[in-house]
Amino acid sequence: MALQPTDRPASSVQVLRYTGTVAAGEALATFPKTNGTFTTGGAVGAARGARFAFFDATDVTNTAKKFALHVYDDEQPSAAAPHAPVASGGVALVVNAGEEVVGHGTQTATDPAWSQNVHITVKSLSANLGSVDTESALIVLDTLTSGLGGNTGLPVLILPVALLGNEVASFDVDLLIEIRWSAHR
């Protein structure tokens, strides 16, 4: 079974956590994609995109496993609003060209205020996880050809990871995604 987020802590609206095994999913150009999986293909040490939806892909209505909609506020704009998605450039095994980017790990001034306040903490629980590049992470919208391909319109994190060893194998991770929303900013 694909990895889904755990229930948010009681009274929490700004944190989402994934704990468990991230398995091989679909090829980069294949949609829909499975939540909590990484892109197949390429060499073992090549960076590949692990995708984590900001919701439970098996039950989008489950409010305990997704961010509350007010967390995505843009009340504190950092640049001219509105902030429309930008088509991504392709990065082999990480992101398809044309996916709808709404946030970057390096938090650019053109990103919406909420996505500039996303903080990603990753703890590797496997020896075969070589590196995780949070600075090159992307937040894309879930459309038919972006994110998971489920057309929910909700954000999906694409986290570049590189694996070690002789084969591309699943890895265990403890991933915390936090959006420091306007009440806290």
C-alpha atoms as a PDB file:
ATOM      1  CA  MET A   1       0.000   0.000   0.000  1.00  0.00           C
ATOM      2  CA  ALA A   2       1.283   3.471  -0.869  1.00  0.00           C
ATOM      3  CA  LEU A   3       2.363   5.784   1.913  1.00  0.00           C
ATOM      4  CA  GLN A   4      -0.257   8.314   3.065  1.00  0.00           C
ATOM      5  CA  PRO A   5       0.084  11.053   5.709  1.00  0.00           C
ATOM      6  CA  THR A   6      -0.668  10.259   9.317  1.00  0.00           C
ATOM      7  CA  ASP A   7      -3.452  12.042  11.191  1.00  0.00           C
ATOM      8  CA  ARG A   8      -2.412  15.541  12.170  1.00  0.00           C
ATOM      9  CA  PRO A   9      -1.749  16.031  15.897  1.00  0.00           C
ATOM     10  CA  ALA A  10      -4.809  17.168  17.869  1.00  0.00           C
ATOM     11  CA  SER A  11      -5.540  20.893  17.428  1.00  0.00           C
ATOM     12  CA  SER A  12      -2.898  21.183  14.717  1.00  0.00           C
ATOM     13  CA  VAL A  13      -3.690  22.654  11.312  1.00  0.00           C
ATOM     14  CA  GLN A  14      -0.250  23.627  10.016  1.00  0.00           C
ATOM     15  CA  VAL A  15       1.717  20.333  10.138  1.00  0.00           C
ATOM     16  CA  LEU A  16       1.508  17.154   8.081  1.00  0.00           C
ATOM     17  CA  ARG A  17       3.645  14.075   8.655  1.00  0.00           C
ATOM     18  CA  TYR A  18       4.608  11.075   6.574  1.00  0.00           C
ATOM     19  CA  THR A  19       6.253   8.182   8.434  1.00  0.00           C
ATOM     20  CA  GLY A  20       6.944   4.891   6.712  1.00  0.00           C
ATOM     21  CA  THR A  21       8.178   3.293   3.524  1.00  0.00           C
ATOM     22  CA  VAL A  22       8.454   5.220   0.276  1.00  0.00           C
ATOM     23  CA  ALA A  23       8.276   2.709  -2.582  1.00  0.00           C
ATOM     24  CA  ALA A  24       8.950   2.869  -6.297  1.00  0.00           C
ATOM     25  CA  GLY A  25       5.983   4.323  -8.152  1.00  0.00           C
ATOM     26  CA  GLU A  26       5.397   5.246 -11.762  1.00  0.00           C
ATOM     27  CA  ALA A  27       7.664   6.546 -14.516  1.00  0.00           C
ATOM     28  CA  LEU A  28       8.006  10.338 -14.673  1.00  0.00           C
ATOM     29  CA  ALA A  29       5.629  10.924 -17.592  1.00  0.00           C
ATOM     30  CA  THR A  30       2.927   8.551 -16.265  1.00  0.00           C
ATOM     31  CA  PHE A  31      -0.226   9.941 -14.654  1.00  0.00           C
ATOM     32  CA  PRO A  32      -1.919   9.345 -12.345  1.00  0.00           C
ATOM     33  CA  LYS A  33       0.867   8.774  -9.817  1.00  0.00           C
ATOM     34  CA  THR A  34       0.738   7.049  -6.456  1.00  0.00           C
ATOM     35  CA  ASN A  35       1.125   9.215  -3.341  1.00  0.00           C
ATOM     36  CA  GLY A  36       4.222   8.625  -1.197  1.00  0.00           C
ATOM     37  CA  THR A  37       6.261   7.007  -3.977  1.00  0.00           C
ATOM     38  CA  PHE A  38       9.323   7.915  -6.027  1.00  0.00           C
ATOM     39  CA  THR A  39       9.888   7.991  -9.785  1.00  0.00           C
ATOM     40  CA  THR A  40      11.123   4.812 -11.457  1.00  0.00           C
ATOM     41  CA  GLY A  41      13.802   4.574 -14.136  1.00  0.00           C
ATOM     42  CA  GLY A  42      17.340   5.897 -14.328  1.00  0.00           C
ATOM     43  CA  ALA A  43      20.487   4.876 -12.492  1.00  0.00           C
ATOM     44  CA  VAL A  44      20.516   4.077  -8.759  1.00  0.00           C
ATOM     45  CA  GLY A  45      22.360   7.266  -7.760  1.00  0.00           C
ATOM     46  CA  ALA A  46      20.278   9.569  -9.966  1.00  0.00           C
ATOM     47  CA  ALA A  47      18.066  12.131  -8.271  1.00  0.00           C
ATOM     48  CA  ARG A  48      14.388  11.194  -8.576  1.00  0.00           C
ATOM     49  CA  GLY A  49      11.201  12.862  -7.386  1.00  0.00           C
ATOM     50  CA  ALA A  50       9.399  11.492  -4.338  1.00  0.00           C
ATOM     51  CA  ARG A  51       5.831  12.849  -4.305  1.00  0.00           C
ATOM     52  CA  PHE A  52       3.906  13.650  -1.146  1.00  0.00           C
ATOM     53  CA  ALA A  53       0.426  15.126  -1.465  1.00  0.00           C
ATOM     54  CA  PHE A  54      -0.745  17.643   1.128  1.00  0.00           C
ATOM     55  CA  PHE A  55      -3.741  15.294   1.569  1.00  0.00           C
ATOM     56  CA  ASP A  56      -4.587  11.591   1.772  1.00  0.00           C
ATOM     57  CA  ALA A  57      -4.853  10.486  -1.859  1.00  0.00           C
ATOM     58  CA  THR A  58      -7.095   7.557  -0.903  1.00  0.00           C
ATOM     59  CA  ASP A  59      -9.638   9.877   0.767  1.00  0.00           C
ATOM     60  CA  VAL A  60      -9.336  13.553  -0.181  1.00  0.00           C
ATOM     61  CA  THR A  61     -12.196  14.412   2.190  1.00  0.00           C
ATOM     62  CA  ASN A  62     -10.315  13.167   5.277  1.00  0.00           C
ATOM     63  CA  THR A  63      -9.667  16.453   7.120  1.00  0.00           C
ATOM     64  CA  ALA A  64      -7.373  14.776   9.689  1.00  0.00           C
ATOM     65  CA  LYS A  65      -4.854  14.005   6.931  1.00  0.00           C
ATOM     66  CA  LYS A  66      -4.678  17.290   5.048  1.00  0.00           C
ATOM     67  CA  PHE A  67      -4.040  20.949   5.685  1.00  0.00           C
ATOM     68  CA  ALA A  68      -7.044  23.133   6.448  1.00  0.00           C
ATOM     69  CA  LEU A  69      -7.820  25.409   3.495  1.00  0.00           C
ATOM     70  CA  HIS A  70      -7.165  28.585   5.497  1.00  0.00           C
ATOM     71  CA  VAL A  71      -3.514  27.508   5.841  1.00  0.00           C
ATOM     72  CA  TYR A  72      -3.111  28.363   2.140  1.00  0.00           C
ATOM     73  CA  ASP A  73      -3.967  32.009   2.793  1.00  0.00           C
ATOM     74  CA  ASP A  74      -2.249  34.754   0.898  1.00  0.00           C
ATOM     75  CA  GLU A  75      -3.177  37.506   3.338  1.00  0.00           C
ATOM     76  CA  GLN A  76       0.483  38.401   3.811  1.00  0.00           C
ATOM     77  CA  PRO A  77       1.631  38.713   0.188  1.00  0.00           C
ATOM     78  CA  SER A  78       5.345  39.001  -0.427  1.00  0.00           C
ATOM     79  CA  ALA A  79       4.954  40.215  -3.981  1.00  0.00           C
ATOM     80  CA  ALA A  80       2.190  41.219  -6.318  1.00  0.00           C
ATOM     81  CA  ALA A  81      -0.870  38.974  -5.989  1.00  0.00           C
ATOM     82  CA  PRO A  82      -2.476  36.882  -7.337  1.00  0.00           C
ATOM     83  CA  HIS A  83       0.215  34.230  -7.577  1.00  0.00           C
ATOM     84  CA  ALA A  84      -0.575  32.048 -10.559  1.00  0.00           C
ATOM     85  CA  PRO A  85       1.166  28.676 -11.041  1.00  0.00           C
ATOM     86  CA  VAL A  86       4.244  28.686 -13.262  1.00  0.00           C
ATOM     87  CA  ALA A  87       4.993  25.875 -15.707  1.00  0.00           C
ATOM     88  CA  SER A  88       7.986  23.865 -14.531  1.00  0.00           C
ATOM     89  CA  GLY A  89      11.027  23.122 -16.597  1.00  0.00           C
ATOM     90  CA  GLY A  90      11.668  19.405 -16.880  1.00  0.00           C
ATOM     91  CA  VAL A  91      14.210  17.753 -14.592  1.00  0.00           C
ATOM     92  CA  ALA A  92      14.959  14.128 -15.499  1.00  0.00           C
ATOM     93  CA  LEU A  93      13.329  11.676 -13.041  1.00  0.00           C
ATOM     94  CA  VAL A  94      12.143  14.556 -10.793  1.00  0.00           C
ATOM     95  CA  VAL A  95       9.515  16.719 -12.512  1.00  0.00           C
ATOM     96  CA  ASN A  96       7.837  16.820 -15.938  1.00  0.00           C
ATOM     97  CA  ALA A  97       8.064  19.957 -18.026  1.00  0.00           C
ATOM     98  CA  GLY A  98       4.841  21.926 -17.667  1.00  0.00           C
ATOM     99  CA  GLU A  99       3.778  20.796 -14.186  1.00  0.00           C
ATOM    100  CA  GLU A 100       2.105  23.677 -12.310  1.00  0.00           C
ATOM    101  CA  VAL A 101       4.595  24.979  -9.747  1.00  0.00           C
ATOM    102  CA  VAL A 102       3.291  27.097  -6.846  1.00  0.00           C
ATOM    103  CA  GLY A 103       6.314  26.858  -4.556  1.00  0.00           C
ATOM    104  CA  HIS A 104      10.043  26.213  -4.426  1.00  0.00           C
ATOM    105  CA  GLY A 105      12.357  24.855  -1.744  1.00  0.00           C
ATOM    106  CA  THR A 106      14.379  28.049  -2.124  1.00  0.00           C
ATOM    107  CA  GLN A 107      11.193  30.124  -1.644  1.00  0.00           C
ATOM    108  CA  THR A 108      11.265  32.666  -4.449  1.00  0.00           C
ATOM    109  CA  ALA A 109       9.625  36.088  -4.148  1.00  0.00           C
ATOM    110  CA  THR A 110       7.049  35.163  -6.799  1.00  0.00           C
ATOM    111  CA  ASP A 111       5.722  32.206  -4.753  1.00  0.00           C
ATOM    112  CA  PRO A 112       2.521  32.700  -2.750  1.00  0.00           C
ATOM    113  CA  ALA A 113       3.117  33.745   0.854  1.00  0.00           C
ATOM    114  CA  TRP A 114       1.921  30.381   2.206  1.00  0.00           C
ATOM    115  CA  SER A 115       4.377  28.425   0.050  1.00  0.00           C
ATOM    116  CA  GLN A 116       7.242  30.676   1.118  1.00  0.00           C
ATOM    117  CA  ASN A 117       6.435  29.581   4.653  1.00  0.00           C
ATOM    118  CA  VAL A 118       6.671  25.830   3.970  1.00  0.00           C
ATOM    119  CA  HIS A 119       9.357  24.133   6.028  1.00  0.00           C
ATOM    120  CA  ILE A 120      10.394  20.556   5.270  1.00  0.00           C
ATOM    121  CA  THR A 121      12.175  18.357   7.800  1.00  0.00           C
ATOM    122  CA  VAL A 122      13.348  14.933   6.643  1.00  0.00           C
ATOM    123  CA  LYS A 123      14.800  12.165   8.786  1.00  0.00           C
ATOM    124  CA  SER A 124      16.169   9.192   6.875  1.00  0.00           C
ATOM    125  CA  LEU A 125      15.342   5.858   8.479  1.00  0.00           C
ATOM    126  CA  SER A 126      17.141   3.758   5.814  1.00  0.00           C
ATOM    127  CA  ALA A 127      20.785   3.262   4.889  1.00  0.00           C
ATOM    128  CA  ASN A 128      19.996   3.380   1.150  1.00  0.00           C
ATOM    129  CA  LEU A 129      18.735   6.979   1.171  1.00  0.00           C
ATOM    130  CA  GLY A 130      21.811   8.878   0.021  1.00  0.00           C
ATOM    131  CA  SER A 131      20.531  12.451  -0.109  1.00  0.00           C
ATOM    132  CA  VAL A 132      17.419  14.579   0.091  1.00  0.00           C
ATOM    133  CA  ASP A 133      17.492  18.010  -1.570  1.00  0.00           C
ATOM    134  CA  THR A 134      14.917  20.172   0.228  1.00  0.00           C
ATOM    135  CA  GLU A 135      16.284  23.310  -1.468  1.00  0.00           C
ATOM    136  CA  SER A 136      15.349  21.941  -4.891  1.00  0.00           C
ATOM    137  CA  ALA A 137      11.929  20.749  -3.746  1.00  0.00           C
ATOM    138  CA  LEU A 138       8.901  21.883  -5.720  1.00  0.00           C
ATOM    139  CA  ILE A 139       5.288  22.321  -4.714  1.00  0.00           C
ATOM    140  CA  VAL A 140       2.993  21.676  -7.663  1.00  0.00           C
ATOM    141  CA  LEU A 141      -0.759  21.669  -8.063  1.00  0.00           C
ATOM    142  CA  ASP A 142      -2.523  18.349  -8.488  1.00  0.00           C
ATOM    143  CA  THR A 143      -4.100  18.489 -11.968  1.00  0.00           C
ATOM    144  CA  LEU A 144      -4.525  15.831 -14.644  1.00  0.00           C
ATOM    145  CA  THR A 145      -0.891  16.325 -15.779  1.00  0.00           C
ATOM    146  CA  SER A 146       0.729  17.697 -12.622  1.00  0.00           C
ATOM    147  CA  GLY A 147       1.241  16.496  -9.062  1.00  0.00           C
ATOM    148  CA  LEU A 148      -0.426  13.091  -8.709  1.00  0.00           C
ATOM    149  CA  GLY A 149      -2.696  13.537 -11.721  1.00  0.00           C
ATOM    150  CA  GLY A 150      -5.820  13.385  -9.556  1.00  0.00           C
ATOM    151  CA  ASN A 151      -7.115  16.849 -10.526  1.00  0.00           C
ATOM    152  CA  THR A 152      -7.859  17.903  -6.917  1.00  0.00           C
ATOM    153  CA  GLY A 153      -6.231  21.326  -7.284  1.00  0.00           C
ATOM    154  CA  LEU A 154      -4.404  20.758  -3.979  1.00  0.00           C
ATOM    155  CA  PRO A 155      -0.595  20.993  -3.528  1.00  0.00           C
ATOM    156  CA  VAL A 156       1.827  18.096  -3.923  1.00  0.00           C
ATOM    157  CA  LEU A 157       5.440  18.213  -2.728  1.00  0.00           C
ATOM    158  CA  ILE A 158       8.082  16.834  -5.097  1.00  0.00           C
ATOM    159  CA  LEU A 159      11.203  16.081  -3.083  1.00  0.00           C
ATOM    160  CA  PRO A 160      14.387  15.152  -5.006  1.00  0.00           C
ATOM    161  CA  VAL A 161      16.052  12.104  -3.441  1.00  0.00           C
ATOM    162  CA  ALA A 162      19.089  10.011  -4.433  1.00  0.00           C
ATOM    163  CA  LEU A 163      19.461   6.376  -3.490  1.00  0.00           C
ATOM    164  CA  LEU A 164      22.559   4.320  -2.671  1.00  0.00           C
ATOM    165  CA  GLY A 165      23.266   0.638  -3.235  1.00  0.00           C
ATOM    166  CA  ASN A 166      23.164  -1.722  -6.156  1.00  0.00           C
ATOM    167  CA  GLU A 167      19.472  -1.355  -6.987  1.00  0.00           C
ATOM    168  CA  VAL A 168      16.637   1.102  -6.732  1.00  0.00           C
ATOM    169  CA  ALA A 169      14.848   0.017  -3.566  1.00  0.00           C
ATOM    170  CA  SER A 170      12.237   1.374  -1.149  1.00  0.00           C
ATOM    171  CA  PHE A 171      13.387   3.523   1.748  1.00  0.00           C
ATOM    172  CA  ASP A 172      11.952   4.553   5.107  1.00  0.00           C
ATOM    173  CA  VAL A 173      11.504   8.185   6.016  1.00  0.00           C
ATOM    174  CA  ASP A 174      10.050  10.481   8.641  1.00  0.00           C
ATOM    175  CA  LEU A 175       8.932  13.627   6.783  1.00  0.00           C
ATOM    176  CA  LEU A 176       7.401  16.666   8.461  1.00  0.00           C
ATOM    177  CA  ILE A 177       5.839  19.397   6.311  1.00  0.00           C
ATOM    178  CA  GLU A 178       4.928  22.604   8.110  1.00  0.00           C
ATOM    179  CA  ILE A 179       3.192  25.671   6.708  1.00  0.00           C
ATOM    180  CA  ARG A 180       3.729  28.531   9.087  1.00  0.00           C
ATOM    181  CA  TRP A 181       0.446  30.239   8.389  1.00  0.00           C
ATOM    182  CA  SER A 182      -0.511  33.866   8.991  1.00  0.00           C
ATOM    183  CA  ALA A 183      -1.685  33.429  12.595  1.00  0.00           C
ATOM    184  CA  HIS A 184       1.874  32.381  13.428  1.00  0.00           C
ATOM    185  CA  ARG A 185       3.778  34.672  11.059  1.00  0.00           C
END
